[in-house]
C-alpha atoms as a PDB file:
ATOM      1  CA  MET A   1      -9.715 -12.020  22.542  1.00  0.00           C
ATOM      2  CA  LYS A   2     -13.493 -12.838  22.549  1.00  0.00           C
ATOM      3  CA  PRO A   3     -16.201 -10.731  24.155  1.00  0.00           C
ATOM      4  CA  ASN A   4     -17.333 -14.366  25.721  1.00  0.00           C
ATOM      5  CA  ASP A   5     -14.207 -14.773  27.583  1.00  0.00           C
ATOM      6  CA  LEU A   6     -14.186 -11.100  29.190  1.00  0.00           C
ATOM      7  CA  VAL A   7     -17.577 -11.815  30.816  1.00  0.00           C
ATOM      8  CA  GLY A   8     -16.454 -14.682  32.793  1.00  0.00           C
ATOM      9  CA  MET A   9     -13.250 -12.571  33.984  1.00  0.00           C
ATOM     10  CA  GLY A  10     -13.689 -10.665  37.286  1.00  0.00           C
ATOM     11  CA  ASP A  11     -13.273  -6.835  37.486  1.00  0.00           C
ATOM     12  CA  ASP A  12      -9.559  -7.281  39.400  1.00  0.00           C
ATOM     13  CA  GLU A  13      -8.430  -9.874  36.009  1.00  0.00           C
ATOM     14  CA  LEU A  14     -10.226  -7.333  33.546  1.00  0.00           C
ATOM     15  CA  SER A  15      -8.444  -4.879  35.123  1.00  0.00           C
ATOM     16  CA  GLN A  16      -5.126  -6.574  34.459  1.00  0.00           C
ATOM     17  CA  THR A  17      -5.674  -7.754  31.366  1.00  0.00           C
ATOM     18  CA  LEU A  18      -6.764  -3.805  30.250  1.00  0.00           C
ATOM     19  CA  ARG A  19      -3.319  -2.501  31.470  1.00  0.00           C
ATOM     20  CA  ASP A  20      -1.538  -5.903  29.887  1.00  0.00           C
ATOM     21  CA  THR A  21      -3.205  -5.010  26.324  1.00  0.00           C
ATOM     22  CA  GLU A  22      -2.219  -1.456  26.428  1.00  0.00           C
ATOM     23  CA  LYS A  23       1.713  -1.955  27.220  1.00  0.00           C
ATOM     24  CA  HIS A  24       1.385  -4.546  24.703  1.00  0.00           C
ATOM     25  CA  LEU A  25      -0.297  -1.732  22.387  1.00  0.00           C
ATOM     26  CA  PHE A  26       2.487   0.709  23.309  1.00  0.00           C
ATOM     27  CA  GLN A  27       5.174  -2.197  22.495  1.00  0.00           C
ATOM     28  CA  LEU A  28       3.799  -2.766  18.659  1.00  0.00           C
ATOM     29  CA  ARG A  29       3.615   1.585  18.069  1.00  0.00           C
ATOM     30  CA  PHE A  30       7.119   1.595  19.189  1.00  0.00           C
ATOM     31  CA  GLN A  31       8.010  -1.538  16.934  1.00  0.00           C
ATOM     32  CA  SER A  32       6.129   0.173  14.694  1.00  0.00           C
ATOM     33  CA  ALA A  33       7.725   3.542  14.616  1.00  0.00           C
ATOM     34  CA  THR A  34      11.539   2.016  14.677  1.00  0.00           C
ATOM     35  CA  ASP A  35      11.053  -1.491  12.733  1.00  0.00           C
ATOM     36  CA  ARG A  36       8.614  -2.674  10.735  1.00  0.00           C
ATOM     37  CA  LEU A  37       6.026  -5.030  11.974  1.00  0.00           C
ATOM     38  CA  GLU A  38       5.728  -8.338  10.945  1.00  0.00           C
ATOM     39  CA  THR A  39       2.222  -8.543  11.134  1.00  0.00           C
ATOM     40  CA  PRO A  40       0.658  -4.767  11.201  1.00  0.00           C
ATOM     41  CA  SER A  41      -2.928  -5.926  11.784  1.00  0.00           C
ATOM     42  CA  GLU A  42      -2.005  -6.447  15.677  1.00  0.00           C
ATOM     43  CA  ILE A  43      -2.330  -2.925  16.693  1.00  0.00           C
ATOM     44  CA  ARG A  44      -5.596  -3.050  14.990  1.00  0.00           C
ATOM     45  CA  LYS A  45      -6.204  -6.170  17.153  1.00  0.00           C
ATOM     46  CA  ALA A  46      -5.087  -4.595  19.950  1.00  0.00           C
ATOM     47  CA  LYS A  47      -6.870  -1.442  19.927  1.00  0.00           C
ATOM     48  CA  ARG A  48     -10.036  -3.375  19.720  1.00  0.00           C
ATOM     49  CA  ASP A  49      -9.284  -5.883  22.488  1.00  0.00           C
ATOM     50  CA  ILE A  50      -8.666  -2.741  24.614  1.00  0.00           C
ATOM     51  CA  ALA A  51     -12.327  -1.251  23.385  1.00  0.00           C
ATOM     52  CA  ARG A  52     -13.626  -4.301  24.028  1.00  0.00           C
ATOM     53  CA  ILE A  53     -12.280  -4.580  27.882  1.00  0.00           C
ATOM     54  CA  LYS A  54     -13.486  -1.209  28.456  1.00  0.00           C
ATOM     55  CA  THR A  55     -16.875  -1.989  27.470  1.00  0.00           C
ATOM     56  CA  THR A  56     -17.441  -4.924  29.490  1.00  0.00           C
ATOM     57  CA  GLN A  57     -16.246  -2.717  32.345  1.00  0.00           C
ATOM     58  CA  ARG A  58     -18.852   0.331  31.591  1.00  0.00           C
ATOM     59  CA  GLN A  59     -21.793  -2.130  31.190  1.00  0.00           C
ATOM     60  CA  ARG A  60     -20.591  -3.717  34.795  1.00  0.00           C
ATOM     61  CA  GLU A  61     -20.265   0.038  36.256  1.00  0.00           C
ATOM     62  CA  LEU A  62     -23.713   0.736  34.473  1.00  0.00           C
ATOM     63  CA  LYS A  63     -25.153  -2.537  35.704  1.00  0.00           C
ATOM     64  CA  ARG A  64     -24.214  -1.695  39.776  1.00  0.00           C
ATOM     65  CA  LEU A  65     -25.329   1.830  39.585  1.00  0.00           C
ATOM     66  CA  ALA A  66     -28.778   0.317  38.468  1.00  0.00           C
ATOM     67  CA  ASP A  67     -28.944  -1.799  41.347  1.00  0.00           C
ATOM     68  CA  LEU A  68     -28.499   0.256  44.023  1.00  0.00           C
ATOM     69  CA  PRO A  69     -30.997   0.934  46.132  1.00  0.00           C
ATOM     70  CA  ASP A  70     -32.826   4.857  45.758  1.00  0.00           C
ATOM     71  CA  ALA A  71     -31.255   6.081  48.935  1.00  0.00           C
ATOM     72  CA  ASP A  72     -27.827   5.452  47.500  1.00  0.00           C
ATOM     73  CA  LEU A  73     -28.885   6.600  44.262  1.00  0.00           C
ATOM     74  CA  ALA A  74     -30.072   9.701  45.451  1.00  0.00           C
ATOM     75  CA  LYS A  75     -26.573  10.063  47.619  1.00  0.00           C
ATOM     76  CA  GLN A  76     -24.928   9.417  44.158  1.00  0.00           C
ATOM     77  CA  VAL A  77     -26.690  12.398  43.043  1.00  0.00           C
ATOM     78  CA  GLU A  78     -25.544  14.823  45.957  1.00  0.00           C
ATOM     79  CA  VAL A  79     -22.009  13.573  45.529  1.00  0.00           C
ATOM     80  CA  ILE A  80     -22.194  14.101  41.731  1.00  0.00           C
ATOM     81  CA  GLN A  81     -23.800  17.945  42.169  1.00  0.00           C
ATOM     82  CA  GLY A  82     -20.963  18.816  44.346  1.00  0.00           C
ATOM     83  CA  LYS A  83     -18.611  18.026  41.636  1.00  0.00           C
ATOM     84  CA  LEU A  84     -20.255  20.609  39.125  1.00  0.00           C
ATOM     85  CA  GLU A  85     -18.301  23.054  39.884  1.00  0.00           C
ATOM     86  CA  GLY A  86     -14.354  23.501  39.183  1.00  0.00           C
ATOM     87  CA  PRO A  87     -12.806  21.457  36.328  1.00  0.00           C
ATOM     88  CA  GLY A  88     -14.354  17.916  35.134  1.00  0.00           C
ATOM     89  CA  LYS A  89     -17.497  19.130  35.632  1.00  0.00           C
ATOM     90  CA  ARG A  90     -18.741  17.864  32.176  1.00  0.00           C
ATOM     91  CA  ARG A  91     -18.161  14.723  32.943  1.00  0.00           C
ATOM     92  CA  ALA A  92     -19.967  15.467  36.113  1.00  0.00           C
ATOM     93  CA  LYS A  93     -23.253  16.626  34.407  1.00  0.00           C
ATOM     94  CA  ARG A  94     -23.234  13.328  31.925  1.00  0.00           C
ATOM     95  CA  ALA A  95     -22.655  11.273  35.316  1.00  0.00           C
ATOM     96  CA  LEU A  96     -25.785  13.483  36.892  1.00  0.00           C
ATOM     97  CA  GLY A  97     -27.667  12.499  33.814  1.00  0.00           C
ATOM     98  CA  ARG A  98     -27.284   8.888  33.793  1.00  0.00           C
ATOM     99  CA  VAL A  99     -28.074   8.435  37.090  1.00  0.00           C
ATOM    100  CA  GLN A 100     -31.390  10.743  36.813  1.00  0.00           C
ATOM    101  CA  THR A 101     -32.395   8.688  33.936  1.00  0.00           C
ATOM    102  CA  ILE A 102     -32.245   5.506  36.085  1.00  0.00           C
ATOM    103  CA  GLN A 103     -34.086   7.384  38.673  1.00  0.00           C
ATOM    104  CA  ALA A 104     -36.809   8.634  36.212  1.00  0.00           C
ATOM    105  CA  GLY A 105     -37.269   4.995  35.131  1.00  0.00           C
ATOM    106  CA  ARG A 106     -37.618   3.752  38.459  1.00  0.00           C
ATOM    107  CA  ALA A 107     -40.215   6.380  38.823  1.00  0.00           C
ATOM    108  CA  THR A 108     -42.175   5.351  36.007  1.00  0.00           C
ATOM    109  CA  THR A 109     -42.293   2.063  36.665  1.00  0.00           C
ATOM    110  CA  LYS A 110     -43.414   2.623  39.788  1.00  0.00           C
ATOM    111  CA  GLY A 111     -46.006   4.797  39.015  1.00  0.00           C
ATOM    112  CA  SER A 112     -47.283   2.514  36.685  1.00  0.00           C
ATOM    113  CA  GLY A 113     -47.843  -0.351  38.872  1.00  0.00           C
ATOM    114  CA  LYS A 114     -44.798  -2.775  37.744  1.00  0.00           C
END
């Protein structure tokens, strides 16, 4: 699977392809443990496909985040700050850092007159 193929897919189609590829990788691993694989490189190819799909999904997520209006970004910060307590706080801190970086980038471009 090529990255250009993934760009043309919709979000739902991309999620379905990810699930199918993960199932295929599981089957390959199971087959590898019980029998001999005809082509051992298939496991590596499946892992790379999964990585490509996840990268594409992440790029789209970051693009959507960057396209949000300032008011929605502020709401996003409030929601994330509410998650800083309890389990999953490391993920919340990273998400907060990303949103604040986007906000800071917007503030510098507004301040410079661009």
